[in-house]
Amino acid sequence: MEFANESGQVFVARSHPGMVRGNHYHLRKSERFTVLEGSGLLSIRKRGTNVIHEHWLTGDRPEIVTVQPGEVHAIVNEGAGDMVLVAWASEVFDPIDPDTYSEDV
């Protein structure tokens, strides 16, 4: 997976057990997620469908999952302790034009 020629931004988030992050989609930006500590269930659904793809992410075995534009996504901390999530977005967040639209997976 190539990152060297891509811009965007990286962010780190800590979530408590049971906390859900996401339940939204983007029209332009893609995102990549990995969990470095704890564990979480990342659910992804292409808009206009009912098919949900689930990815179990854990700090014990970090892997990167990519979410494309038009895919509704959310991650829930399914572990007993805090989850540390690292995410990359293909563009820098712009509060005037956030390209983030609420929708439940």
PDB file of N, CA and C in Angstrom:
ATOM      1  N   MET A   1       0.845  -1.167   0.000  1.00  0.00           N
ATOM      2  CA  MET A   1       0.000   0.000   0.000  1.00  0.00           C
ATOM      3  C   MET A   1       0.898   1.240   0.000  1.00  0.00           C
ATOM      4  N   GLU A   2       0.690   2.133  -0.917  1.00  0.00           N
ATOM      5  CA  GLU A   2       1.537   3.311  -1.108  1.00  0.00           C
ATOM      6  C   GLU A   2       0.988   4.516  -0.354  1.00  0.00           C
ATOM      7  N   PHE A   3       1.823   5.132   0.458  1.00  0.00           N
ATOM      8  CA  PHE A   3       1.451   6.360   1.161  1.00  0.00           C
ATOM      9  C   PHE A   3       2.360   7.516   0.791  1.00  0.00           C
ATOM     10  N   ALA A   4       3.519   7.247   0.262  1.00  0.00           N
ATOM     11  CA  ALA A   4       4.565   8.257   0.087  1.00  0.00           C
ATOM     12  C   ALA A   4       4.128   9.450  -0.756  1.00  0.00           C
ATOM     13  N   ASN A   5       3.295   9.243  -1.754  1.00  0.00           N
ATOM     14  CA  ASN A   5       2.912  10.332  -2.650  1.00  0.00           C
ATOM     15  C   ASN A   5       1.520  10.874  -2.362  1.00  0.00           C
ATOM     16  N   GLU A   6       0.983  10.546  -1.202  1.00  0.00           N
ATOM     17  CA  GLU A   6      -0.354  10.997  -0.857  1.00  0.00           C
ATOM     18  C   GLU A   6      -0.306  12.035   0.262  1.00  0.00           C
ATOM     19  N   SER A   7      -1.180  13.042   0.164  1.00  0.00           N
ATOM     20  CA  SER A   7      -1.280  14.029   1.235  1.00  0.00           C
ATOM     21  C   SER A   7      -2.448  13.646   2.133  1.00  0.00           C
ATOM     22  N   GLY A   8      -2.850  14.543   2.979  1.00  0.00           N
ATOM     23  CA  GLY A   8      -3.962  14.272   3.882  1.00  0.00           C
ATOM     24  C   GLY A   8      -3.568  14.552   5.309  1.00  0.00           C
ATOM     25  N   GLN A   9      -4.210  13.881   6.239  1.00  0.00           N
ATOM     26  CA  GLN A   9      -3.875  14.074   7.642  1.00  0.00           C
ATOM     27  C   GLN A   9      -4.048  12.780   8.403  1.00  0.00           C
ATOM     28  N   VAL A  10      -3.321  12.681   9.507  1.00  0.00           N
ATOM     29  CA  VAL A  10      -3.395  11.530  10.395  1.00  0.00           C
ATOM     30  C   VAL A  10      -3.944  12.021  11.723  1.00  0.00           C
ATOM     31  N   PHE A  11      -4.799  11.199  12.346  1.00  0.00           N
ATOM     32  CA  PHE A  11      -5.253  11.543  13.683  1.00  0.00           C
ATOM     33  C   PHE A  11      -5.310  10.292  14.545  1.00  0.00           C
ATOM     34  N   VAL A  12      -5.215  10.506  15.840  1.00  0.00           N
ATOM     35  CA  VAL A  12      -5.257   9.434  16.822  1.00  0.00           C
ATOM     36  C   VAL A  12      -6.438   9.705  17.740  1.00  0.00           C
ATOM     37  N   ALA A  13      -7.207   8.655  18.036  1.00  0.00           N
ATOM     38  CA  ALA A  13      -8.367   8.799  18.917  1.00  0.00           C
ATOM     39  C   ALA A  13      -8.370   7.671  19.942  1.00  0.00           C
ATOM     40  N   ARG A  14      -8.699   8.012  21.157  1.00  0.00           N
ATOM     41  CA  ARG A  14      -8.846   7.025  22.223  1.00  0.00           C
ATOM     42  C   ARG A  14     -10.335   6.906  22.528  1.00  0.00           C
ATOM     43  N   SER A  15     -10.835   5.663  22.543  1.00  0.00           N
ATOM     44  CA  SER A  15     -12.252   5.412  22.792  1.00  0.00           C
ATOM     45  C   SER A  15     -12.416   4.465  23.965  1.00  0.00           C
ATOM     46  N   HIS A  16     -13.390   4.747  24.801  1.00  0.00           N
ATOM     47  CA  HIS A  16     -13.706   3.889  25.939  1.00  0.00           C
ATOM     48  C   HIS A  16     -14.555   2.705  25.484  1.00  0.00           C
ATOM     49  N   PRO A  17     -14.621   1.627  26.260  1.00  0.00           N
ATOM     50  CA  PRO A  17     -15.423   0.465  25.888  1.00  0.00           C
ATOM     51  C   PRO A  17     -16.864   0.844  25.530  1.00  0.00           C
ATOM     52  N   GLY A  18     -17.348   0.285  24.423  1.00  0.00           N
ATOM     53  CA  GLY A  18     -18.707   0.541  23.963  1.00  0.00           C
ATOM     54  C   GLY A  18     -18.870   1.798  23.131  1.00  0.00           C
ATOM     55  N   MET A  19     -17.873   2.675  23.099  1.00  0.00           N
ATOM     56  CA  MET A  19     -17.980   3.935  22.359  1.00  0.00           C
ATOM     57  C   MET A  19     -17.959   3.677  20.855  1.00  0.00           C
ATOM     58  N   VAL A  20     -18.833   4.387  20.131  1.00  0.00           N
ATOM     59  CA  VAL A  20     -18.919   4.287  18.669  1.00  0.00           C
ATOM     60  C   VAL A  20     -18.378   5.572  18.072  1.00  0.00           C
ATOM     61  N   ARG A  21     -17.511   5.428  17.086  1.00  0.00           N
ATOM     62  CA  ARG A  21     -16.992   6.569  16.325  1.00  0.00           C
ATOM     63  C   ARG A  21     -17.429   6.371  14.880  1.00  0.00           C
ATOM     64  N   GLY A  22     -17.900   7.423  14.263  1.00  0.00           N
ATOM     65  CA  GLY A  22     -18.260   7.333  12.851  1.00  0.00           C
ATOM     66  C   GLY A  22     -19.750   7.431  12.635  1.00  0.00           C
ATOM     67  N   ASN A  23     -20.319   6.411  11.954  1.00  0.00           N
ATOM     68  CA  ASN A  23     -21.691   6.456  11.461  1.00  0.00           C
ATOM     69  C   ASN A  23     -21.858   7.665  10.549  1.00  0.00           C
ATOM     70  N   HIS A  24     -20.966   7.709   9.555  1.00  0.00           N
ATOM     71  CA  HIS A  24     -21.004   8.755   8.549  1.00  0.00           C
ATOM     72  C   HIS A  24     -20.325   8.246   7.272  1.00  0.00           C
ATOM     73  N   TYR A  25     -20.374   9.078   6.241  1.00  0.00           N
ATOM     74  CA  TYR A  25     -19.687   8.773   4.990  1.00  0.00           C
ATOM     75  C   TYR A  25     -19.119  10.071   4.429  1.00  0.00           C
ATOM     76  N   HIS A  26     -18.285   9.932   3.417  1.00  0.00           N
ATOM     77  CA  HIS A  26     -17.669  11.059   2.739  1.00  0.00           C
ATOM     78  C   HIS A  26     -17.913  10.910   1.239  1.00  0.00           C
ATOM     79  N   LEU A  27     -18.031  12.021   0.541  1.00  0.00           N
ATOM     80  CA  LEU A  27     -18.184  11.987  -0.911  1.00  0.00           C
ATOM     81  C   LEU A  27     -16.848  12.047  -1.632  1.00  0.00           C
ATOM     82  N   ARG A  28     -15.837  12.690  -1.018  1.00  0.00           N
ATOM     83  CA  ARG A  28     -14.533  12.868  -1.667  1.00  0.00           C
ATOM     84  C   ARG A  28     -13.422  12.062  -1.020  1.00  0.00           C
ATOM     85  N   LYS A  29     -13.380  12.079   0.285  1.00  0.00           N
ATOM     86  CA  LYS A  29     -12.194  11.555   0.960  1.00  0.00           C
ATOM     87  C   LYS A  29     -12.291  10.069   1.269  1.00  0.00           C
ATOM     88  N   SER A  30     -11.134   9.441   1.221  1.00  0.00           N
ATOM     89  CA  SER A  30     -11.013   8.069   1.697  1.00  0.00           C
ATOM     90  C   SER A  30     -10.282   8.113   3.032  1.00  0.00           C
ATOM     91  N   GLU A  31     -10.427   7.040   3.794  1.00  0.00           N
ATOM     92  CA  GLU A  31      -9.767   6.950   5.099  1.00  0.00           C
ATOM     93  C   GLU A  31      -9.184   5.563   5.270  1.00  0.00           C
ATOM     94  N   ARG A  32      -8.125   5.488   6.060  1.00  0.00           N
ATOM     95  CA  ARG A  32      -7.515   4.210   6.419  1.00  0.00           C
ATOM     96  C   ARG A  32      -7.455   4.150   7.937  1.00  0.00           C
ATOM     97  N   PHE A  33      -7.809   2.987   8.486  1.00  0.00           N
ATOM     98  CA  PHE A  33      -7.886   2.812   9.935  1.00  0.00           C
ATOM     99  C   PHE A  33      -7.031   1.642  10.387  1.00  0.00           C
ATOM    100  N   THR A  34      -6.434   1.793  11.567  1.00  0.00           N
ATOM    101  CA  THR A  34      -5.785   0.688  12.254  1.00  0.00           C
ATOM    102  C   THR A  34      -5.918   0.910  13.748  1.00  0.00           C
ATOM    103  N   VAL A  35      -5.978  -0.167  14.496  1.00  0.00           N
ATOM    104  CA  VAL A  35      -6.042  -0.096  15.954  1.00  0.00           C
ATOM    105  C   VAL A  35      -4.668  -0.498  16.492  1.00  0.00           C
ATOM    106  N   LEU A  36      -4.119   0.343  17.356  1.00  0.00           N
ATOM    107  CA  LEU A  36      -2.809   0.062  17.946  1.00  0.00           C
ATOM    108  C   LEU A  36      -2.901  -0.507  19.350  1.00  0.00           C
ATOM    109  N   GLU A  37      -4.014  -0.243  20.014  1.00  0.00           N
ATOM    110  CA  GLU A  37      -4.219  -0.738  21.375  1.00  0.00           C
ATOM    111  C   GLU A  37      -5.693  -1.068  21.549  1.00  0.00           C
ATOM    112  N   GLY A  38      -5.981  -2.188  22.191  1.00  0.00           N
ATOM    113  CA  GLY A  38      -7.365  -2.601  22.394  1.00  0.00           C
ATOM    114  C   GLY A  38      -7.906  -3.284  21.152  1.00  0.00           C
ATOM    115  N   SER A  39      -9.237  -3.241  20.995  1.00  0.00           N
ATOM    116  CA  SER A  39      -9.855  -3.889  19.839  1.00  0.00           C
ATOM    117  C   SER A  39     -11.175  -3.212  19.498  1.00  0.00           C
ATOM    118  N   GLY A  40     -11.518  -3.302  18.230  1.00  0.00           N
ATOM    119  CA  GLY A  40     -12.753  -2.700  17.778  1.00  0.00           C
ATOM    120  C   GLY A  40     -13.291  -3.380  16.544  1.00  0.00           C
ATOM    121  N   LEU A  41     -14.572  -3.197  16.308  1.00  0.00           N
ATOM    122  CA  LEU A  41     -15.237  -3.743  15.136  1.00  0.00           C
ATOM    123  C   LEU A  41     -15.558  -2.596  14.188  1.00  0.00           C
ATOM    124  N   LEU A  42     -14.912  -2.596  13.015  1.00  0.00           N
ATOM    125  CA  LEU A  42     -15.146  -1.594  11.981  1.00  0.00           C
ATOM    126  C   LEU A  42     -16.177  -2.154  11.011  1.00  0.00           C
ATOM    127  N   SER A  43     -17.301  -1.459  10.876  1.00  0.00           N
ATOM    128  CA  SER A  43     -18.370  -1.875   9.968  1.00  0.00           C
ATOM    129  C   SER A  43     -18.434  -0.887   8.812  1.00  0.00           C
ATOM    130  N   ILE A  44     -18.560  -1.428   7.590  1.00  0.00           N
ATOM    131  CA  ILE A  44     -18.564  -0.618   6.371  1.00  0.00           C
ATOM    132  C   ILE A  44     -19.731  -1.073   5.495  1.00  0.00           C
ATOM    133  N   ARG A  45     -20.498  -0.079   5.009  1.00  0.00           N
ATOM    134  CA  ARG A  45     -21.622  -0.368   4.111  1.00  0.00           C
ATOM    135  C   ARG A  45     -21.624   0.640   2.979  1.00  0.00           C
ATOM    136  N   LYS A  46     -21.623   0.143   1.740  1.00  0.00           N
ATOM    137  CA  LYS A  46     -21.735   1.035   0.595  1.00  0.00           C
ATOM    138  C   LYS A  46     -23.130   1.640   0.593  1.00  0.00           C
ATOM    139  N   ARG A  47     -23.206   2.956   0.432  1.00  0.00           N
ATOM    140  CA  ARG A  47     -24.508   3.628   0.431  1.00  0.00           C
ATOM    141  C   ARG A  47     -25.416   3.011  -0.624  1.00  0.00           C
ATOM    142  N   GLY A  48     -26.692   2.888  -0.287  1.00  0.00           N
ATOM    143  CA  GLY A  48     -27.671   2.334  -1.204  1.00  0.00           C
ATOM    144  C   GLY A  48     -27.766   0.820  -1.155  1.00  0.00           C
ATOM    145  N   THR A  49     -26.961   0.191  -0.278  1.00  0.00           N
ATOM    146  CA  THR A  49     -27.026  -1.264  -0.123  1.00  0.00           C
ATOM    147  C   THR A  49     -27.281  -1.605   1.336  1.00  0.00           C
ATOM    148  N   ASN A  50     -27.585  -2.872   1.583  1.00  0.00           N
ATOM    149  CA  ASN A  50     -27.761  -3.361   2.947  1.00  0.00           C
ATOM    150  C   ASN A  50     -26.634  -4.297   3.366  1.00  0.00           C
ATOM    151  N   VAL A  51     -25.628  -4.451   2.512  1.00  0.00           N
ATOM    152  CA  VAL A  51     -24.532  -5.376   2.785  1.00  0.00           C
ATOM    153  C   VAL A  51     -23.490  -4.679   3.661  1.00  0.00           C
ATOM    154  N   ILE A  52     -23.229  -5.265   4.824  1.00  0.00           N
ATOM    155  CA  ILE A  52     -22.256  -4.705   5.768  1.00  0.00           C
ATOM    156  C   ILE A  52     -21.048  -5.627   5.830  1.00  0.00           C
ATOM    157  N   HIS A  53     -19.866  -5.032   5.643  1.00  0.00           N
ATOM    158  CA  HIS A  53     -18.607  -5.758   5.782  1.00  0.00           C
ATOM    159  C   HIS A  53     -18.015  -5.372   7.137  1.00  0.00           C
ATOM    160  N   GLU A  54     -17.643  -6.383   7.923  1.00  0.00           N
ATOM    161  CA  GLU A  54     -17.100  -6.139   9.254  1.00  0.00           C
ATOM    162  C   GLU A  54     -15.638  -6.560   9.309  1.00  0.00           C
ATOM    163  N   HIS A  55     -14.843  -5.735   9.994  1.00  0.00           N
ATOM    164  CA  HIS A  55     -13.412  -5.992  10.153  1.00  0.00           C
ATOM    165  C   HIS A  55     -13.080  -5.876  11.635  1.00  0.00           C
ATOM    166  N   TRP A  56     -12.581  -6.964  12.217  1.00  0.00           N
ATOM    167  CA  TRP A  56     -12.147  -6.964  13.608  1.00  0.00           C
ATOM    168  C   TRP A  56     -10.715  -6.437  13.629  1.00  0.00           C
ATOM    169  N   LEU A  57     -10.507  -5.296  14.287  1.00  0.00           N
ATOM    170  CA  LEU A  57      -9.181  -4.681  14.363  1.00  0.00           C
ATOM    171  C   LEU A  57      -8.678  -4.760  15.791  1.00  0.00           C
ATOM    172  N   THR A  58      -7.419  -5.137  15.955  1.00  0.00           N
ATOM    173  CA  THR A  58      -6.850  -5.296  17.284  1.00  0.00           C
ATOM    174  C   THR A  58      -5.396  -4.840  17.310  1.00  0.00           C
ATOM    175  N   GLY A  59      -5.021  -4.273  18.431  1.00  0.00           N
ATOM    176  CA  GLY A  59      -3.643  -3.861  18.624  1.00  0.00           C
ATOM    177  C   GLY A  59      -2.686  -5.035  18.697  1.00  0.00           C
ATOM    178  N   ASP A  60      -3.204  -6.223  18.982  1.00  0.00           N
ATOM    179  CA  ASP A  60      -2.364  -7.421  19.019  1.00  0.00           C
ATOM    180  C   ASP A  60      -1.908  -7.848  17.628  1.00  0.00           C
ATOM    181  N   ARG A  61      -2.659  -7.429  16.608  1.00  0.00           N
ATOM    182  CA  ARG A  61      -2.346  -7.791  15.226  1.00  0.00           C
ATOM    183  C   ARG A  61      -2.777  -6.630  14.319  1.00  0.00           C
ATOM    184  N   PRO A  62      -2.060  -5.494  14.390  1.00  0.00           N
ATOM    185  CA  PRO A  62      -2.487  -4.317  13.623  1.00  0.00           C
ATOM    186  C   PRO A  62      -2.546  -4.587  12.113  1.00  0.00           C
ATOM    187  N   GLU A  63      -3.603  -4.096  11.494  1.00  0.00           N
ATOM    188  CA  GLU A  63      -3.754  -4.138  10.048  1.00  0.00           C
ATOM    189  C   GLU A  63      -4.470  -2.864   9.630  1.00  0.00           C
ATOM    190  N   ILE A  64      -4.337  -2.508   8.369  1.00  0.00           N
ATOM    191  CA  ILE A  64      -4.943  -1.284   7.841  1.00  0.00           C
ATOM    192  C   ILE A  64      -6.149  -1.653   6.988  1.00  0.00           C
ATOM    193  N   VAL A  65      -7.281  -0.978   7.241  1.00  0.00           N
ATOM    194  CA  VAL A  65      -8.483  -1.155   6.433  1.00  0.00           C
ATOM    195  C   VAL A  65      -8.815   0.191   5.794  1.00  0.00           C
ATOM    196  N   THR A  66      -9.063   0.176   4.499  1.00  0.00           N
ATOM    197  CA  THR A  66      -9.383   1.395   3.753  1.00  0.00           C
ATOM    198  C   THR A  66     -10.882   1.515   3.550  1.00  0.00           C
ATOM    199  N   VAL A  67     -11.390   2.726   3.773  1.00  0.00           N
ATOM    200  CA  VAL A  67     -12.792   3.062   3.526  1.00  0.00           C
ATOM    201  C   VAL A  67     -12.814   4.062   2.374  1.00  0.00           C
ATOM    202  N   GLN A  68     -13.576   3.738   1.348  1.00  0.00           N
ATOM    203  CA  GLN A  68     -13.648   4.555   0.142  1.00  0.00           C
ATOM    204  C   GLN A  68     -14.773   5.588   0.237  1.00  0.00           C
ATOM    205  N   PRO A  69     -14.728   6.653  -0.592  1.00  0.00           N
ATOM    206  CA  PRO A  69     -15.843   7.591  -0.637  1.00  0.00           C
ATOM    207  C   PRO A  69     -17.148   6.850  -0.924  1.00  0.00           C
ATOM    208  N   GLY A  70     -18.226   7.275  -0.261  1.00  0.00           N
ATOM    209  CA  GLY A  70     -19.527   6.651  -0.451  1.00  0.00           C
ATOM    210  C   GLY A  70     -19.770   5.433   0.420  1.00  0.00           C
ATOM    211  N   GLU A  71     -18.804   5.077   1.272  1.00  0.00           N
ATOM    212  CA  GLU A  71     -18.992   3.957   2.183  1.00  0.00           C
ATOM    213  C   GLU A  71     -19.268   4.481   3.585  1.00  0.00           C
ATOM    214  N   VAL A  72     -20.423   4.106   4.123  1.00  0.00           N
ATOM    215  CA  VAL A  72     -20.797   4.481   5.483  1.00  0.00           C
ATOM    216  C   VAL A  72     -19.967   3.605   6.417  1.00  0.00           C
ATOM    217  N   HIS A  73     -19.401   4.202   7.451  1.00  0.00           N
ATOM    218  CA  HIS A  73     -18.514   3.432   8.319  1.00  0.00           C
ATOM    219  C   HIS A  73     -18.625   3.869   9.772  1.00  0.00           C
ATOM    220  N   ALA A  74     -18.344   2.915  10.656  1.00  0.00           N
ATOM    221  CA  ALA A  74     -18.323   3.175  12.094  1.00  0.00           C
ATOM    222  C   ALA A  74     -17.450   2.115  12.742  1.00  0.00           C
ATOM    223  N   ILE A  75     -16.798   2.491  13.828  1.00  0.00           N
ATOM    224  CA  ILE A  75     -16.026   1.533  14.615  1.00  0.00           C
ATOM    225  C   ILE A  75     -16.476   1.639  16.061  1.00  0.00           C
ATOM    226  N   VAL A  76     -16.679   0.489  16.678  1.00  0.00           N
ATOM    227  CA  VAL A  76     -17.081   0.443  18.084  1.00  0.00           C
ATOM    228  C   VAL A  76     -15.998  -0.279  18.867  1.00  0.00           C
ATOM    229  N   ASN A  77     -15.672   0.277  20.022  1.00  0.00           N
ATOM    230  CA  ASN A  77     -14.708  -0.364  20.910  1.00  0.00           C
ATOM    231  C   ASN A  77     -15.402  -1.571  21.540  1.00  0.00           C
ATOM    232  N   GLU A  78     -14.999  -2.740  21.136  1.00  0.00           N
ATOM    233  CA  GLU A  78     -15.604  -3.991  21.616  1.00  0.00           C
ATOM    234  C   GLU A  78     -14.782  -4.606  22.749  1.00  0.00           C
ATOM    235  N   GLY A  79     -13.702  -3.953  23.142  1.00  0.00           N
ATOM    236  CA  GLY A  79     -12.835  -4.528  24.161  1.00  0.00           C
ATOM    237  C   GLY A  79     -13.214  -4.121  25.576  1.00  0.00           C
ATOM    238  N   ALA A  80     -12.447  -4.648  26.532  1.00  0.00           N
ATOM    239  CA  ALA A  80     -12.679  -4.355  27.948  1.00  0.00           C
ATOM    240  C   ALA A  80     -11.996  -3.067  28.383  1.00  0.00           C
ATOM    241  N   GLY A  81     -10.999  -2.617  27.625  1.00  0.00           N
ATOM    242  CA  GLY A  81     -10.269  -1.397  27.964  1.00  0.00           C
ATOM    243  C   GLY A  81     -10.352  -0.397  26.829  1.00  0.00           C
ATOM    244  N   ASP A  82      -9.602   0.698  26.967  1.00  0.00           N
ATOM    245  CA  ASP A  82      -9.592   1.720  25.922  1.00  0.00           C
ATOM    246  C   ASP A  82      -9.032   1.170  24.616  1.00  0.00           C
ATOM    247  N   MET A  83      -9.499   1.740  23.510  1.00  0.00           N
ATOM    248  CA  MET A  83      -9.010   1.428  22.175  1.00  0.00           C
ATOM    249  C   MET A  83      -8.294   2.665  21.646  1.00  0.00           C
ATOM    250  N   VAL A  84      -7.096   2.474  21.090  1.00  0.00           N
ATOM    251  CA  VAL A  84      -6.378   3.564  20.445  1.00  0.00           C
ATOM    252  C   VAL A  84      -6.432   3.313  18.944  1.00  0.00           C
ATOM    253  N   LEU A  85      -7.073   4.224  18.241  1.00  0.00           N
ATOM    254  CA  LEU A  85      -7.296   4.142  16.799  1.00  0.00           C
ATOM    255  C   LEU A  85      -6.430   5.183  16.106  1.00  0.00           C
ATOM    256  N   VAL A  86      -5.742   4.773  15.054  1.00  0.00           N
ATOM    257  CA  VAL A  86      -5.007   5.705  14.205  1.00  0.00           C
ATOM    258  C   VAL A  86      -5.706   5.716  12.857  1.00  0.00           C
ATOM    259  N   ALA A  87      -5.976   6.908  12.348  1.00  0.00           N
ATOM    260  CA  ALA A  87      -6.668   7.037  11.068  1.00  0.00           C
ATOM    261  C   ALA A  87      -5.941   8.028  10.180  1.00  0.00           C
ATOM    262  N   TRP A  88      -5.975   7.753   8.899  1.00  0.00           N
ATOM    263  CA  TRP A  88      -5.452   8.657   7.878  1.00  0.00           C
ATOM    264  C   TRP A  88      -6.613   9.038   6.983  1.00  0.00           C
ATOM    265  N   ALA A  89      -6.733  10.326   6.674  1.00  0.00           N
ATOM    266  CA  ALA A  89      -7.752  10.818   5.747  1.00  0.00           C
ATOM    267  C   ALA A  89      -7.045  11.439   4.549  1.00  0.00           C
ATOM    268  N   SER A  90      -7.615  11.273   3.376  1.00  0.00           N
ATOM    269  CA  SER A  90      -6.961  11.707   2.142  1.00  0.00           C
ATOM    270  C   SER A  90      -6.950  13.222   1.949  1.00  0.00           C
ATOM    271  N   GLU A  91      -7.643  13.942   2.801  1.00  0.00           N
ATOM    272  CA  GLU A  91      -7.565  15.398   2.748  1.00  0.00           C
ATOM    273  C   GLU A  91      -7.621  15.963   4.161  1.00  0.00           C
ATOM    274  N   VAL A  92      -7.067  17.126   4.330  1.00  0.00           N
ATOM    275  CA  VAL A  92      -7.054  17.794   5.624  1.00  0.00           C
ATOM    276  C   VAL A  92      -8.470  18.257   5.945  1.00  0.00           C
ATOM    277  N   PHE A  93      -8.890  18.061   7.193  1.00  0.00           N
ATOM    278  CA  PHE A  93     -10.238  18.452   7.603  1.00  0.00           C
ATOM    279  C   PHE A  93     -10.433  19.948   7.440  1.00  0.00           C
ATOM    280  N   ASP A  94     -11.524  20.331   6.801  1.00  0.00           N
ATOM    281  CA  ASP A  94     -11.889  21.731   6.595  1.00  0.00           C
ATOM    282  C   ASP A  94     -13.252  21.948   7.249  1.00  0.00           C
ATOM    283  N   PRO A  95     -13.318  22.680   8.374  1.00  0.00           N
ATOM    284  CA  PRO A  95     -14.601  22.865   9.061  1.00  0.00           C
ATOM    285  C   PRO A  95     -15.651  23.590   8.207  1.00  0.00           C
ATOM    286  N   ILE A  96     -15.231  24.332   7.203  1.00  0.00           N
ATOM    287  CA  ILE A  96     -16.174  25.015   6.319  1.00  0.00           C
ATOM    288  C   ILE A  96     -16.760  24.043   5.296  1.00  0.00           C
ATOM    289  N   ASP A  97     -15.981  23.028   4.919  1.00  0.00           N
ATOM    290  CA  ASP A  97     -16.411  22.018   3.944  1.00  0.00           C
ATOM    291  C   ASP A  97     -15.931  20.642   4.425  1.00  0.00           C
ATOM    292  N   PRO A  98     -16.583  20.087   5.466  1.00  0.00           N
ATOM    293  CA  PRO A  98     -16.053  18.890   6.124  1.00  0.00           C
ATOM    294  C   PRO A  98     -16.195  17.589   5.329  1.00  0.00           C
ATOM    295  N   ASP A  99     -17.038  17.532   4.313  1.00  0.00           N
ATOM    296  CA  ASP A  99     -17.264  16.313   3.541  1.00  0.00           C
ATOM    297  C   ASP A  99     -17.567  15.127   4.470  1.00  0.00           C
ATOM    298  N   THR A 100     -18.415  15.361   5.453  1.00  0.00           N
ATOM    299  CA  THR A 100     -18.819  14.320   6.405  1.00  0.00           C
ATOM    300  C   THR A 100     -20.340  14.396   6.557  1.00  0.00           C
ATOM    301  N   TYR A 101     -21.012  13.263   6.252  1.00  0.00           N
ATOM    302  CA  TYR A 101     -22.469  13.217   6.236  1.00  0.00           C
ATOM    303  C   TYR A 101     -22.948  12.075   7.123  1.00  0.00           C
ATOM    304  N   SER A 102     -23.775  12.397   8.104  1.00  0.00           N
ATOM    305  CA  SER A 102     -24.256  11.388   9.061  1.00  0.00           C
ATOM    306  C   SER A 102     -25.163  10.372   8.391  1.00  0.00           C
ATOM    307  N   GLU A 103     -24.902   9.104   8.711  1.00  0.00           N
ATOM    308  CA  GLU A 103     -25.758   8.002   8.305  1.00  0.00           C
ATOM    309  C   GLU A 103     -25.297   6.778   9.088  1.00  0.00           C
ATOM    310  N   ASP A 104     -26.242   6.045   9.652  1.00  0.00           N
ATOM    311  CA  ASP A 104     -25.882   4.839  10.381  1.00  0.00           C
ATOM    312  C   ASP A 104     -25.496   3.719   9.434  1.00  0.00           C
ATOM    313  N   VAL A 105     -24.507   2.944   9.870  1.00  0.00           N
ATOM    314  CA  VAL A 105     -24.123   1.777   9.087  1.00  0.00           C
ATOM    315  C   VAL A 105     -25.300   0.840   9.083  1.00  0.00           C
TER     316      VAL A 105
END
